[in-house]
């Protein structure tokens, strides 16, 4: 999975294996953003939540809890605040 950013037509595009995988955009920066999204999508896979065990679609090894458990873990218990 190696993506290249190259000139394409009057703009820029992301290529994989010599073929464009995104439409042409006006700036290299926009093409880099599209490349970053493609890389993130390719890293997504099902994982089990470390807290509840439910399967969810993870964006990578640093994303190990489902959205519900992440929200619950981020809430502060009023009894714990001095």
C-alpha atoms as a PDB file:
ATOM      1  CA  UNK A   1       0.000   0.000   0.000  1.00  0.00           C
ATOM      2  CA  UNK A   2       2.194   2.782  -1.285  1.00  0.00           C
ATOM      3  CA  UNK A   3       0.416   5.898  -2.424  1.00  0.00           C
ATOM      4  CA  UNK A   4       2.141   8.480  -4.580  1.00  0.00           C
ATOM      5  CA  UNK A   5       1.079  12.050  -5.203  1.00  0.00           C
ATOM      6  CA  UNK A   6       1.725  13.213  -8.742  1.00  0.00           C
ATOM      7  CA  UNK A   7       0.709  15.915 -11.174  1.00  0.00           C
ATOM      8  CA  UNK A   8      -2.362  14.833 -13.088  1.00  0.00           C
ATOM      9  CA  UNK A   9      -3.975  16.918 -15.790  1.00  0.00           C
ATOM     10  CA  UNK A  10      -4.103  20.486 -14.464  1.00  0.00           C
ATOM     11  CA  UNK A  11      -3.820  19.461 -10.808  1.00  0.00           C
ATOM     12  CA  UNK A  12      -2.741  16.685  -8.471  1.00  0.00           C
ATOM     13  CA  UNK A  13      -3.964  13.146  -7.740  1.00  0.00           C
ATOM     14  CA  UNK A  14      -3.126  10.168  -5.555  1.00  0.00           C
ATOM     15  CA  UNK A  15      -1.782   7.139  -7.424  1.00  0.00           C
ATOM     16  CA  UNK A  16      -1.431   3.506  -6.440  1.00  0.00           C
ATOM     17  CA  UNK A  17       0.393   1.082  -8.677  1.00  0.00           C
ATOM     18  CA  UNK A  18       0.707   3.717 -11.388  1.00  0.00           C
ATOM     19  CA  UNK A  19      -3.055   4.365 -11.588  1.00  0.00           C
ATOM     20  CA  UNK A  20      -4.952   7.332 -10.145  1.00  0.00           C
ATOM     21  CA  UNK A  21      -7.146   6.348  -7.177  1.00  0.00           C
ATOM     22  CA  UNK A  22      -8.564   9.830  -6.499  1.00  0.00           C
ATOM     23  CA  UNK A  23      -9.988  12.497  -8.741  1.00  0.00           C
ATOM     24  CA  UNK A  24      -7.794  15.410  -9.721  1.00  0.00           C
ATOM     25  CA  UNK A  25      -7.622  18.234  -7.151  1.00  0.00           C
ATOM     26  CA  UNK A  26      -6.234  21.737  -7.507  1.00  0.00           C
ATOM     27  CA  UNK A  27      -3.396  21.645  -4.952  1.00  0.00           C
ATOM     28  CA  UNK A  28      -0.831  19.193  -3.662  1.00  0.00           C
ATOM     29  CA  UNK A  29      -2.071  19.839  -0.122  1.00  0.00           C
ATOM     30  CA  UNK A  30      -5.582  18.617  -1.052  1.00  0.00           C
ATOM     31  CA  UNK A  31      -4.058  15.505  -2.629  1.00  0.00           C
ATOM     32  CA  UNK A  32      -2.063  14.850   0.564  1.00  0.00           C
ATOM     33  CA  UNK A  33      -5.280  15.096   2.601  1.00  0.00           C
ATOM     34  CA  UNK A  34      -6.956  12.568   0.302  1.00  0.00           C
ATOM     35  CA  UNK A  35      -3.937  10.263   0.633  1.00  0.00           C
ATOM     36  CA  UNK A  36      -4.067  10.478   4.423  1.00  0.00           C
ATOM     37  CA  UNK A  37      -7.760   9.510   4.376  1.00  0.00           C
ATOM     38  CA  UNK A  38      -7.025   6.532   2.133  1.00  0.00           C
ATOM     39  CA  UNK A  39      -4.278   5.336   4.488  1.00  0.00           C
ATOM     40  CA  UNK A  40      -6.608   5.664   7.498  1.00  0.00           C
ATOM     41  CA  UNK A  41      -9.385   3.747   5.704  1.00  0.00           C
ATOM     42  CA  UNK A  42      -7.015   0.906   4.866  1.00  0.00           C
ATOM     43  CA  UNK A  43      -5.994   0.582   8.541  1.00  0.00           C
ATOM     44  CA  UNK A  44      -9.610   0.158   9.712  1.00  0.00           C
ATOM     45  CA  UNK A  45     -10.582  -3.319  10.862  1.00  0.00           C
ATOM     46  CA  UNK A  46     -12.924  -5.003  13.325  1.00  0.00           C
ATOM     47  CA  UNK A  47     -11.640  -5.210  16.910  1.00  0.00           C
ATOM     48  CA  UNK A  48     -13.133  -6.189  20.247  1.00  0.00           C
ATOM     49  CA  UNK A  49     -13.638  -3.357  22.746  1.00  0.00           C
ATOM     50  CA  UNK A  50     -11.290  -3.710  25.723  1.00  0.00           C
ATOM     51  CA  UNK A  51     -14.041  -2.588  28.114  1.00  0.00           C
ATOM     52  CA  UNK A  52     -17.278  -4.294  26.973  1.00  0.00           C
ATOM     53  CA  UNK A  53     -16.018  -6.844  24.438  1.00  0.00           C
ATOM     54  CA  UNK A  54     -18.329  -5.666  21.633  1.00  0.00           C
ATOM     55  CA  UNK A  55     -16.921  -5.755  18.117  1.00  0.00           C
ATOM     56  CA  UNK A  56     -16.486  -2.337  16.474  1.00  0.00           C
ATOM     57  CA  UNK A  57     -14.659  -0.875  13.486  1.00  0.00           C
ATOM     58  CA  UNK A  58     -11.304   0.390  14.786  1.00  0.00           C
ATOM     59  CA  UNK A  59      -9.208   3.034  13.061  1.00  0.00           C
ATOM     60  CA  UNK A  60      -5.939   1.529  14.322  1.00  0.00           C
ATOM     61  CA  UNK A  61      -4.096   0.006  17.281  1.00  0.00           C
ATOM     62  CA  UNK A  62      -4.604   3.149  19.392  1.00  0.00           C
ATOM     63  CA  UNK A  63      -8.396   2.878  19.033  1.00  0.00           C
ATOM     64  CA  UNK A  64      -9.297  -0.075  21.278  1.00  0.00           C
ATOM     65  CA  UNK A  65     -12.614   0.967  22.867  1.00  0.00           C
ATOM     66  CA  UNK A  66     -15.969   1.385  21.137  1.00  0.00           C
ATOM     67  CA  UNK A  67     -17.422   4.892  20.956  1.00  0.00           C
ATOM     68  CA  UNK A  68     -19.907   4.238  23.791  1.00  0.00           C
ATOM     69  CA  UNK A  69     -17.189   3.028  26.185  1.00  0.00           C
ATOM     70  CA  UNK A  70     -14.885   5.902  25.226  1.00  0.00           C
ATOM     71  CA  UNK A  71     -17.661   8.357  26.060  1.00  0.00           C
ATOM     72  CA  UNK A  72     -18.411   6.665  29.401  1.00  0.00           C
ATOM     73  CA  UNK A  73     -14.706   6.519  30.295  1.00  0.00           C
ATOM     74  CA  UNK A  74     -14.353  10.240  29.546  1.00  0.00           C
ATOM     75  CA  UNK A  75     -17.183  11.315  31.865  1.00  0.00           C
ATOM     76  CA  UNK A  76     -16.236  12.570  35.321  1.00  0.00           C
ATOM     77  CA  UNK A  77     -18.060  11.181  38.364  1.00  0.00           C
ATOM     78  CA  UNK A  78     -19.243  14.191  40.427  1.00  0.00           C
ATOM     79  CA  UNK A  79     -18.323  12.324  43.632  1.00  0.00           C
ATOM     80  CA  UNK A  80     -14.697  12.174  42.510  1.00  0.00           C
ATOM     81  CA  UNK A  81     -14.359  15.962  42.154  1.00  0.00           C
ATOM     82  CA  UNK A  82     -13.316  17.729  45.409  1.00  0.00           C
END
